[in-house]
Amino acid sequence: MKEVTPIELKKMMDAHEDFQLIDVREDYEAAIATIGGKLIPMGTVMENIDEIAKDKKVVIHCRSGKRSATVIEALEQQHGFTNLYNLKGGILAYADDVDPKLAKY
């Protein structure tokens, strides 16, 4: 599985690279802390598949990287995606490595 580190993601954001950021956490989690991106909770990803870009890099994240990895595996195996990247360590690692003001939960 392809991954990007929190620092790599921040560089992509700062450079205004053309990519899609997807958050597969639940609504209540996004209310606690967010790094932007489209919220598509894990349980609704398959019914919202048309909202996930196939023509550019897509970074998928969750709290720790486990749920996003599961989502990526399913999308790759069942729908042939080849452009997906997991945020290594999730939003917790992003808080540690990039934005210490981000709430951890």
N, C-alpha and C. Protein backbone atom coordinates (compact mmCIF):
# COMPACT_ATOMS: atom_id res chain seq x y z
N MET A 1 0.84 -1.19 0.00
CA MET A 1 0.00 0.00 0.00
C MET A 1 0.88 1.25 0.00
N LYS A 2 0.51 2.19 -0.86
CA LYS A 2 1.27 3.43 -0.94
C LYS A 2 0.87 4.33 0.24
N GLU A 3 1.85 5.05 0.75
CA GLU A 3 1.60 5.93 1.88
C GLU A 3 2.26 7.29 1.65
N VAL A 4 1.73 8.29 2.34
CA VAL A 4 2.40 9.58 2.46
C VAL A 4 2.52 9.87 3.94
N THR A 5 3.61 10.50 4.32
CA THR A 5 3.79 10.89 5.71
C THR A 5 3.06 12.21 5.95
N PRO A 6 2.80 12.55 7.20
CA PRO A 6 2.17 13.84 7.48
C PRO A 6 2.98 15.02 6.92
N ILE A 7 4.30 14.94 7.00
CA ILE A 7 5.14 16.03 6.49
C ILE A 7 5.01 16.12 4.96
N GLU A 8 4.97 14.97 4.29
CA GLU A 8 4.78 14.98 2.83
C GLU A 8 3.42 15.58 2.47
N LEU A 9 2.39 15.23 3.24
CA LEU A 9 1.05 15.78 3.00
C LEU A 9 1.05 17.30 3.17
N LYS A 10 1.68 17.79 4.21
CA LYS A 10 1.74 19.23 4.45
C LYS A 10 2.45 19.93 3.29
N LYS A 11 3.52 19.33 2.77
CA LYS A 11 4.22 19.91 1.62
C LYS A 11 3.32 19.94 0.39
N MET A 12 2.53 18.87 0.19
CA MET A 12 1.59 18.82 -0.93
C MET A 12 0.55 19.94 -0.80
N MET A 13 0.05 20.14 0.42
CA MET A 13 -0.94 21.18 0.67
C MET A 13 -0.33 22.57 0.42
N ASP A 14 0.85 22.79 0.97
CA ASP A 14 1.50 24.09 0.84
C ASP A 14 1.83 24.43 -0.61
N ALA A 15 2.13 23.39 -1.41
CA ALA A 15 2.46 23.58 -2.83
C ALA A 15 1.20 23.64 -3.70
N HIS A 16 0.04 23.51 -3.08
CA HIS A 16 -1.25 23.51 -3.80
C HIS A 16 -1.27 22.47 -4.91
N GLU A 17 -0.71 21.28 -4.59
CA GLU A 17 -0.73 20.18 -5.56
C GLU A 17 -2.18 19.77 -5.83
N ASP A 18 -2.41 19.22 -7.00
CA ASP A 18 -3.74 18.76 -7.39
C ASP A 18 -3.94 17.33 -6.89
N PHE A 19 -4.56 17.23 -5.73
CA PHE A 19 -4.87 15.93 -5.16
C PHE A 19 -6.16 16.05 -4.37
N GLN A 20 -6.73 14.90 -4.03
CA GLN A 20 -7.95 14.88 -3.23
C GLN A 20 -7.63 14.31 -1.86
N LEU A 21 -8.14 14.95 -0.82
CA LEU A 21 -7.97 14.47 0.55
C LEU A 21 -9.33 14.00 1.05
N ILE A 22 -9.35 12.75 1.52
CA ILE A 22 -10.60 12.16 2.01
C ILE A 22 -10.39 11.69 3.44
N ASP A 23 -11.35 12.06 4.28
CA ASP A 23 -11.37 11.71 5.70
C ASP A 23 -12.44 10.64 5.89
N VAL A 24 -12.06 9.44 6.34
CA VAL A 24 -13.04 8.36 6.50
C VAL A 24 -13.48 8.18 7.96
N ARG A 25 -13.21 9.20 8.79
CA ARG A 25 -13.67 9.15 10.18
C ARG A 25 -15.16 9.50 10.24
N GLU A 26 -15.71 9.41 11.42
CA GLU A 26 -17.12 9.76 11.63
C GLU A 26 -17.27 11.27 11.82
N ASP A 27 -18.49 11.76 11.66
CA ASP A 27 -18.78 13.19 11.81
C ASP A 27 -18.29 13.74 13.14
N TYR A 28 -18.56 13.02 14.23
CA TYR A 28 -18.18 13.52 15.55
C TYR A 28 -16.66 13.63 15.69
N GLU A 29 -15.91 12.77 15.00
CA GLU A 29 -14.45 12.84 15.05
C GLU A 29 -13.94 14.06 14.28
N ALA A 30 -14.54 14.31 13.14
CA ALA A 30 -14.15 15.48 12.34
C ALA A 30 -14.46 16.77 13.09
N ALA A 31 -15.48 16.75 13.94
CA ALA A 31 -15.82 17.94 14.73
C ALA A 31 -14.74 18.22 15.79
N ILE A 32 -14.02 17.19 16.21
CA ILE A 32 -12.96 17.35 17.21
C ILE A 32 -11.70 17.92 16.57
N ALA A 33 -11.31 17.38 15.43
CA ALA A 33 -10.09 17.82 14.75
C ALA A 33 -10.22 17.50 13.26
N THR A 34 -9.76 18.44 12.43
CA THR A 34 -9.80 18.19 10.99
C THR A 34 -8.59 18.83 10.32
N ILE A 35 -8.17 18.21 9.22
CA ILE A 35 -7.09 18.79 8.41
C ILE A 35 -7.63 19.14 7.02
N GLY A 36 -8.94 19.22 6.93
CA GLY A 36 -9.58 19.52 5.66
C GLY A 36 -9.91 18.25 4.92
N GLY A 37 -10.30 18.41 3.70
CA GLY A 37 -10.66 17.24 2.91
C GLY A 37 -12.13 16.92 2.98
N LYS A 38 -12.53 15.99 2.17
CA LYS A 38 -13.93 15.57 2.07
C LYS A 38 -14.20 14.48 3.08
N LEU A 39 -15.24 14.67 3.89
CA LEU A 39 -15.62 13.67 4.88
C LEU A 39 -16.55 12.64 4.24
N ILE A 40 -16.05 11.40 4.18
CA ILE A 40 -16.85 10.26 3.72
C ILE A 40 -16.64 9.16 4.75
N PRO A 41 -17.47 9.09 5.79
CA PRO A 41 -17.27 8.07 6.83
C PRO A 41 -17.11 6.66 6.24
N MET A 42 -16.26 5.88 6.87
CA MET A 42 -15.89 4.55 6.38
C MET A 42 -17.10 3.73 5.95
N GLY A 43 -18.15 3.75 6.73
CA GLY A 43 -19.32 2.93 6.43
C GLY A 43 -20.10 3.38 5.21
N THR A 44 -19.78 4.57 4.69
CA THR A 44 -20.52 5.09 3.52
C THR A 44 -19.65 5.20 2.28
N VAL A 45 -18.41 4.76 2.36
CA VAL A 45 -17.49 4.92 1.22
C VAL A 45 -18.02 4.22 -0.03
N MET A 46 -18.46 2.98 0.07
CA MET A 46 -18.86 2.23 -1.12
C MET A 46 -20.08 2.85 -1.81
N GLU A 47 -20.96 3.48 -1.05
CA GLU A 47 -22.11 4.12 -1.68
C GLU A 47 -21.78 5.53 -2.21
N ASN A 48 -20.59 6.02 -1.90
CA ASN A 48 -20.15 7.33 -2.37
C ASN A 48 -18.91 7.23 -3.27
N ILE A 49 -18.74 6.08 -3.88
CA ILE A 49 -17.54 5.80 -4.67
C ILE A 49 -17.34 6.80 -5.80
N ASP A 50 -18.43 7.35 -6.33
CA ASP A 50 -18.33 8.30 -7.43
C ASP A 50 -17.74 9.64 -6.99
N GLU A 51 -17.60 9.85 -5.69
CA GLU A 51 -17.01 11.09 -5.18
C GLU A 51 -15.49 10.99 -5.01
N ILE A 52 -14.94 9.81 -5.29
CA ILE A 52 -13.50 9.59 -5.15
C ILE A 52 -12.85 9.67 -6.53
N ALA A 53 -11.90 10.58 -6.66
CA ALA A 53 -11.24 10.80 -7.96
C ALA A 53 -10.45 9.57 -8.39
N LYS A 54 -10.49 9.30 -9.68
CA LYS A 54 -9.67 8.23 -10.26
C LYS A 54 -8.55 8.80 -11.11
N ASP A 55 -8.58 10.12 -11.36
CA ASP A 55 -7.65 10.73 -12.31
C ASP A 55 -6.57 11.58 -11.64
N LYS A 56 -6.46 11.50 -10.31
CA LYS A 56 -5.38 12.20 -9.61
C LYS A 56 -5.11 11.50 -8.29
N LYS A 57 -4.04 11.90 -7.63
CA LYS A 57 -3.66 11.31 -6.35
C LYS A 57 -4.76 11.57 -5.32
N VAL A 58 -5.09 10.53 -4.56
CA VAL A 58 -6.08 10.64 -3.49
C VAL A 58 -5.43 10.17 -2.20
N VAL A 59 -5.39 11.05 -1.20
CA VAL A 59 -4.87 10.71 0.12
C VAL A 59 -6.06 10.47 1.03
N ILE A 60 -6.09 9.30 1.64
CA ILE A 60 -7.19 8.93 2.54
C ILE A 60 -6.64 8.84 3.96
N HIS A 61 -7.39 9.42 4.90
CA HIS A 61 -6.91 9.39 6.28
C HIS A 61 -8.04 9.10 7.26
N CYS A 62 -7.63 8.67 8.44
CA CYS A 62 -8.53 8.46 9.57
C CYS A 62 -7.78 8.92 10.81
N ARG A 63 -8.10 8.35 11.95
CA ARG A 63 -7.45 8.76 13.20
C ARG A 63 -6.01 8.25 13.27
N SER A 64 -5.82 6.95 13.01
CA SER A 64 -4.50 6.35 13.19
C SER A 64 -3.92 5.71 11.92
N GLY A 65 -4.71 5.62 10.88
CA GLY A 65 -4.25 5.00 9.64
C GLY A 65 -4.80 3.60 9.39
N LYS A 66 -5.47 3.02 10.37
CA LYS A 66 -5.98 1.66 10.21
C LYS A 66 -7.26 1.60 9.36
N ARG A 67 -8.23 2.44 9.68
CA ARG A 67 -9.48 2.44 8.90
C ARG A 67 -9.22 2.87 7.45
N SER A 68 -8.38 3.87 7.28
CA SER A 68 -8.09 4.33 5.91
C SER A 68 -7.39 3.23 5.12
N ALA A 69 -6.52 2.47 5.75
CA ALA A 69 -5.86 1.35 5.07
C ALA A 69 -6.88 0.31 4.65
N THR A 70 -7.84 0.02 5.50
CA THR A 70 -8.90 -0.94 5.17
C THR A 70 -9.73 -0.46 3.99
N VAL A 71 -10.06 0.82 3.99
CA VAL A 71 -10.83 1.41 2.89
C VAL A 71 -10.04 1.33 1.59
N ILE A 72 -8.75 1.66 1.64
CA ILE A 72 -7.92 1.62 0.45
C ILE A 72 -7.84 0.20 -0.11
N GLU A 73 -7.63 -0.79 0.75
CA GLU A 73 -7.59 -2.18 0.29
C GLU A 73 -8.87 -2.56 -0.43
N ALA A 74 -10.01 -2.20 0.15
CA ALA A 74 -11.30 -2.54 -0.46
C ALA A 74 -11.48 -1.84 -1.81
N LEU A 75 -11.13 -0.56 -1.88
CA LEU A 75 -11.28 0.17 -3.13
C LEU A 75 -10.35 -0.37 -4.22
N GLU A 76 -9.14 -0.74 -3.83
CA GLU A 76 -8.20 -1.29 -4.81
C GLU A 76 -8.67 -2.66 -5.30
N GLN A 77 -9.10 -3.51 -4.39
CA GLN A 77 -9.48 -4.87 -4.75
C GLN A 77 -10.82 -4.93 -5.48
N GLN A 78 -11.79 -4.16 -5.01
CA GLN A 78 -13.15 -4.27 -5.56
C GLN A 78 -13.43 -3.31 -6.71
N HIS A 79 -12.68 -2.22 -6.79
CA HIS A 79 -12.99 -1.20 -7.80
C HIS A 79 -11.80 -0.78 -8.64
N GLY A 80 -10.64 -1.41 -8.45
CA GLY A 80 -9.49 -1.19 -9.31
C GLY A 80 -8.76 0.14 -9.17
N PHE A 81 -8.96 0.83 -8.05
CA PHE A 81 -8.24 2.09 -7.84
C PHE A 81 -6.73 1.83 -7.77
N THR A 82 -5.95 2.73 -8.36
CA THR A 82 -4.49 2.61 -8.32
C THR A 82 -3.84 3.91 -7.86
N ASN A 83 -4.63 4.89 -7.48
CA ASN A 83 -4.15 6.23 -7.17
C ASN A 83 -4.34 6.62 -5.71
N LEU A 84 -4.47 5.63 -4.83
CA LEU A 84 -4.79 5.90 -3.43
C LEU A 84 -3.55 5.81 -2.54
N TYR A 85 -3.48 6.73 -1.59
CA TYR A 85 -2.36 6.80 -0.64
C TYR A 85 -2.92 6.92 0.76
N ASN A 86 -2.38 6.15 1.68
CA ASN A 86 -2.78 6.21 3.07
C ASN A 86 -1.93 7.25 3.81
N LEU A 87 -2.56 8.06 4.66
CA LEU A 87 -1.79 8.97 5.50
C LEU A 87 -1.21 8.16 6.64
N LYS A 88 0.09 7.97 6.61
CA LYS A 88 0.77 7.15 7.60
C LYS A 88 0.58 7.72 9.01
N GLY A 89 -0.01 6.92 9.89
CA GLY A 89 -0.24 7.34 11.27
C GLY A 89 -1.48 8.18 11.47
N GLY A 90 -2.18 8.50 10.39
CA GLY A 90 -3.43 9.23 10.49
C GLY A 90 -3.29 10.64 11.04
N ILE A 91 -4.43 11.17 11.49
CA ILE A 91 -4.46 12.54 11.99
C ILE A 91 -3.67 12.67 13.30
N LEU A 92 -3.50 11.57 14.02
CA LEU A 92 -2.68 11.61 15.25
C LEU A 92 -1.23 11.93 14.89
N ALA A 93 -0.71 11.29 13.86
CA ALA A 93 0.67 11.55 13.43
C ALA A 93 0.78 12.96 12.85
N TYR A 94 -0.27 13.41 12.17
CA TYR A 94 -0.26 14.77 11.63
C TYR A 94 -0.16 15.78 12.77
N ALA A 95 -0.88 15.54 13.84
CA ALA A 95 -0.80 16.42 15.01
C ALA A 95 0.60 16.39 15.62
N ASP A 96 1.20 15.22 15.69
CA ASP A 96 2.55 15.09 16.26
C ASP A 96 3.61 15.76 15.39
N ASP A 97 3.53 15.53 14.08
CA ASP A 97 4.61 15.93 13.18
C ASP A 97 4.44 17.30 12.53
N VAL A 98 3.19 17.77 12.41
CA VAL A 98 2.93 18.99 11.65
C VAL A 98 2.25 20.08 12.47
N ASP A 99 1.17 19.73 13.15
CA ASP A 99 0.34 20.74 13.81
C ASP A 99 0.02 20.34 15.25
N PRO A 100 0.89 20.68 16.19
CA PRO A 100 0.69 20.27 17.58
C PRO A 100 -0.54 20.92 18.24
N LYS A 101 -1.12 21.94 17.60
CA LYS A 101 -2.34 22.56 18.15
C LYS A 101 -3.59 21.75 17.82
N LEU A 102 -3.45 20.80 16.91
CA LEU A 102 -4.58 19.96 16.52
C LEU A 102 -4.98 19.07 17.70
N ALA A 103 -6.26 19.03 18.01
CA ALA A 103 -6.75 18.23 19.14
C ALA A 103 -6.53 16.74 18.87
N LYS A 104 -6.00 16.05 19.87
CA LYS A 104 -5.83 14.60 19.78
C LYS A 104 -6.89 13.95 20.67
N TYR A 105 -7.42 12.85 20.20
CA TYR A 105 -8.48 12.16 20.93
C TYR A 105 -8.31 10.68 20.87
